Amino acid sequence: MKLKTYLEIKGMSQDEMAKTLSITPAMVCYITSGKRNPGLKLALKIQRITKGKVRPEDWTDHNI
């Protein structure tokens, strides 16, 4: 699942997710718009926070 989709389903704002991840709201915006991909450490943190709904594999075109 894409992070943008997860936020929409949960009714969570990008600002709320940014605070949860300890990153800037701008970075969440870049990630949800597809302009940037998170590094492995951040991708794993997103996976943990979303309880596996958004996985590191979701940032690539390939399955890991």
N, C-alpha and C. Protein backbone atom coordinates (compact mmCIF):
# COMPACT_ATOMS: atom_id res chain seq x y z
N MET A 1 0.85 -1.18 0.00
CA MET A 1 0.00 0.00 0.00
C MET A 1 0.90 1.24 0.00
N LYS A 2 0.52 2.24 -0.73
CA LYS A 2 1.25 3.51 -0.75
C LYS A 2 0.96 4.28 0.53
N LEU A 3 1.93 5.07 0.95
CA LEU A 3 1.77 5.88 2.16
C LEU A 3 0.60 6.84 2.02
N LYS A 4 0.45 7.43 0.85
CA LYS A 4 -0.65 8.37 0.61
C LYS A 4 -2.00 7.69 0.85
N THR A 5 -2.15 6.48 0.35
CA THR A 5 -3.38 5.71 0.53
C THR A 5 -3.61 5.41 2.01
N TYR A 6 -2.54 5.00 2.70
CA TYR A 6 -2.65 4.70 4.13
C TYR A 6 -3.14 5.94 4.89
N LEU A 7 -2.57 7.09 4.61
CA LEU A 7 -2.97 8.32 5.31
C LEU A 7 -4.44 8.64 5.04
N GLU A 8 -4.88 8.47 3.80
CA GLU A 8 -6.28 8.73 3.45
C GLU A 8 -7.22 7.80 4.20
N ILE A 9 -6.89 6.51 4.23
CA ILE A 9 -7.73 5.53 4.91
C ILE A 9 -7.82 5.82 6.41
N LYS A 10 -6.69 6.17 7.00
CA LYS A 10 -6.63 6.42 8.45
C LYS A 10 -7.12 7.83 8.82
N GLY A 11 -7.30 8.69 7.82
CA GLY A 11 -7.71 10.06 8.11
C GLY A 11 -6.60 10.83 8.82
N MET A 12 -5.39 10.48 8.52
CA MET A 12 -4.22 11.08 9.17
C MET A 12 -3.60 12.11 8.24
N SER A 13 -3.22 13.26 8.79
CA SER A 13 -2.61 14.30 7.97
C SER A 13 -1.12 14.01 7.76
N GLN A 14 -0.57 14.64 6.76
CA GLN A 14 0.86 14.52 6.51
C GLN A 14 1.66 15.09 7.69
N ASP A 15 1.16 16.16 8.29
CA ASP A 15 1.83 16.75 9.46
C ASP A 15 1.86 15.78 10.63
N GLU A 16 0.75 15.08 10.86
CA GLU A 16 0.71 14.09 11.95
C GLU A 16 1.71 12.96 11.69
N MET A 17 1.76 12.49 10.45
CA MET A 17 2.70 11.42 10.12
C MET A 17 4.14 11.91 10.27
N ALA A 18 4.39 13.13 9.86
CA ALA A 18 5.74 13.70 9.98
C ALA A 18 6.18 13.72 11.44
N LYS A 19 5.29 14.14 12.33
CA LYS A 19 5.62 14.16 13.76
C LYS A 19 5.88 12.76 14.27
N THR A 20 5.07 11.81 13.86
CA THR A 20 5.23 10.42 14.29
C THR A 20 6.57 9.85 13.83
N LEU A 21 6.98 10.23 12.62
CA LEU A 21 8.23 9.72 12.05
C LEU A 21 9.45 10.55 12.42
N SER A 22 9.22 11.71 13.04
CA SER A 22 10.30 12.66 13.38
C SER A 22 11.03 13.14 12.12
N ILE A 23 10.22 13.48 11.10
CA ILE A 23 10.76 14.06 9.88
C ILE A 23 9.94 15.30 9.56
N THR A 24 10.36 16.06 8.57
CA THR A 24 9.64 17.28 8.23
C THR A 24 8.37 16.96 7.43
N PRO A 25 7.37 17.81 7.56
CA PRO A 25 6.17 17.62 6.73
C PRO A 25 6.50 17.67 5.24
N ALA A 26 7.50 18.45 4.87
CA ALA A 26 7.89 18.53 3.45
C ALA A 26 8.36 17.17 2.96
N MET A 27 9.11 16.44 3.79
CA MET A 27 9.60 15.12 3.38
C MET A 27 8.43 14.16 3.19
N VAL A 28 7.44 14.20 4.06
CA VAL A 28 6.26 13.35 3.90
C VAL A 28 5.56 13.72 2.59
N CYS A 29 5.49 15.00 2.29
CA CYS A 29 4.88 15.46 1.04
C CYS A 29 5.64 14.91 -0.16
N TYR A 30 6.96 14.97 -0.12
CA TYR A 30 7.77 14.43 -1.22
C TYR A 30 7.55 12.94 -1.39
N ILE A 31 7.46 12.22 -0.27
CA ILE A 31 7.28 10.77 -0.32
C ILE A 31 5.89 10.42 -0.88
N THR A 32 4.85 11.09 -0.36
CA THR A 32 3.49 10.76 -0.81
C THR A 32 3.24 11.17 -2.26
N SER A 33 3.97 12.18 -2.74
CA SER A 33 3.78 12.60 -4.13
C SER A 33 4.64 11.80 -5.10
N GLY A 34 5.53 10.96 -4.55
CA GLY A 34 6.38 10.14 -5.40
C GLY A 34 7.64 10.83 -5.87
N LYS A 35 7.91 12.04 -5.34
CA LYS A 35 9.12 12.77 -5.75
C LYS A 35 10.38 12.21 -5.09
N ARG A 36 10.21 11.57 -3.93
CA ARG A 36 11.35 10.98 -3.23
C ARG A 36 10.91 9.65 -2.63
N ASN A 37 11.87 8.77 -2.46
CA ASN A 37 11.64 7.52 -1.75
C ASN A 37 12.39 7.58 -0.43
N PRO A 38 11.84 6.99 0.61
CA PRO A 38 12.55 6.98 1.88
C PRO A 38 13.74 6.03 1.82
N GLY A 39 14.73 6.33 2.64
CA GLY A 39 15.84 5.39 2.79
C GLY A 39 15.34 4.15 3.51
N LEU A 40 16.19 3.13 3.58
CA LEU A 40 15.78 1.87 4.19
C LEU A 40 15.36 2.06 5.65
N LYS A 41 16.12 2.84 6.41
CA LYS A 41 15.80 3.05 7.83
C LYS A 41 14.42 3.69 7.99
N LEU A 42 14.13 4.71 7.18
CA LEU A 42 12.83 5.37 7.25
C LEU A 42 11.73 4.45 6.74
N ALA A 43 12.00 3.70 5.69
CA ALA A 43 11.00 2.77 5.15
C ALA A 43 10.62 1.72 6.19
N LEU A 44 11.61 1.24 6.93
CA LEU A 44 11.33 0.26 7.98
C LEU A 44 10.54 0.89 9.14
N LYS A 45 10.84 2.15 9.43
CA LYS A 45 10.10 2.85 10.49
C LYS A 45 8.64 3.04 10.05
N ILE A 46 8.44 3.39 8.79
CA ILE A 46 7.08 3.54 8.26
C ILE A 46 6.34 2.20 8.34
N GLN A 47 7.03 1.12 8.00
CA GLN A 47 6.42 -0.20 8.09
C GLN A 47 5.99 -0.51 9.52
N ARG A 48 6.85 -0.20 10.47
CA ARG A 48 6.54 -0.48 11.88
C ARG A 48 5.35 0.36 12.35
N ILE A 49 5.36 1.64 12.02
CA ILE A 49 4.29 2.55 12.46
C ILE A 49 2.95 2.18 11.82
N THR A 50 2.99 1.74 10.56
CA THR A 50 1.74 1.38 9.87
C THR A 50 1.35 -0.07 10.10
N LYS A 51 2.07 -0.73 10.99
CA LYS A 51 1.80 -2.13 11.32
C LYS A 51 1.83 -3.02 10.07
N GLY A 52 2.80 -2.74 9.20
CA GLY A 52 3.01 -3.57 8.02
C GLY A 52 2.15 -3.24 6.81
N LYS A 53 1.31 -2.24 6.93
CA LYS A 53 0.45 -1.88 5.79
C LYS A 53 1.26 -1.24 4.66
N VAL A 54 2.28 -0.45 5.02
CA VAL A 54 3.17 0.17 4.03
C VAL A 54 4.54 -0.47 4.24
N ARG A 55 4.97 -1.25 3.25
CA ARG A 55 6.20 -2.03 3.40
C ARG A 55 7.33 -1.44 2.56
N PRO A 56 8.58 -1.75 2.90
CA PRO A 56 9.70 -1.26 2.08
C PRO A 56 9.56 -1.65 0.61
N GLU A 57 8.98 -2.80 0.33
CA GLU A 57 8.78 -3.24 -1.05
C GLU A 57 7.90 -2.28 -1.84
N ASP A 58 7.05 -1.55 -1.14
CA ASP A 58 6.12 -0.64 -1.79
C ASP A 58 6.83 0.57 -2.41
N TRP A 59 8.10 0.78 -2.09
CA TRP A 59 8.85 1.92 -2.61
C TRP A 59 9.62 1.57 -3.86
N THR A 60 9.58 0.31 -4.26
CA THR A 60 10.33 -0.12 -5.44
C THR A 60 9.37 -0.72 -6.46
N ASP A 61 9.88 -0.92 -7.65
CA ASP A 61 9.10 -1.59 -8.68
C ASP A 61 9.28 -3.10 -8.61
N HIS A 62 10.15 -3.54 -7.71
CA HIS A 62 10.47 -4.96 -7.58
C HIS A 62 10.05 -5.47 -6.23
N ASN A 63 9.76 -6.73 -6.15
CA ASN A 63 9.51 -7.36 -4.85
C ASN A 63 10.84 -7.77 -4.25
N ILE A 64 11.01 -7.49 -3.01
CA ILE A 64 12.26 -7.84 -2.32
C ILE A 64 12.19 -9.27 -1.84
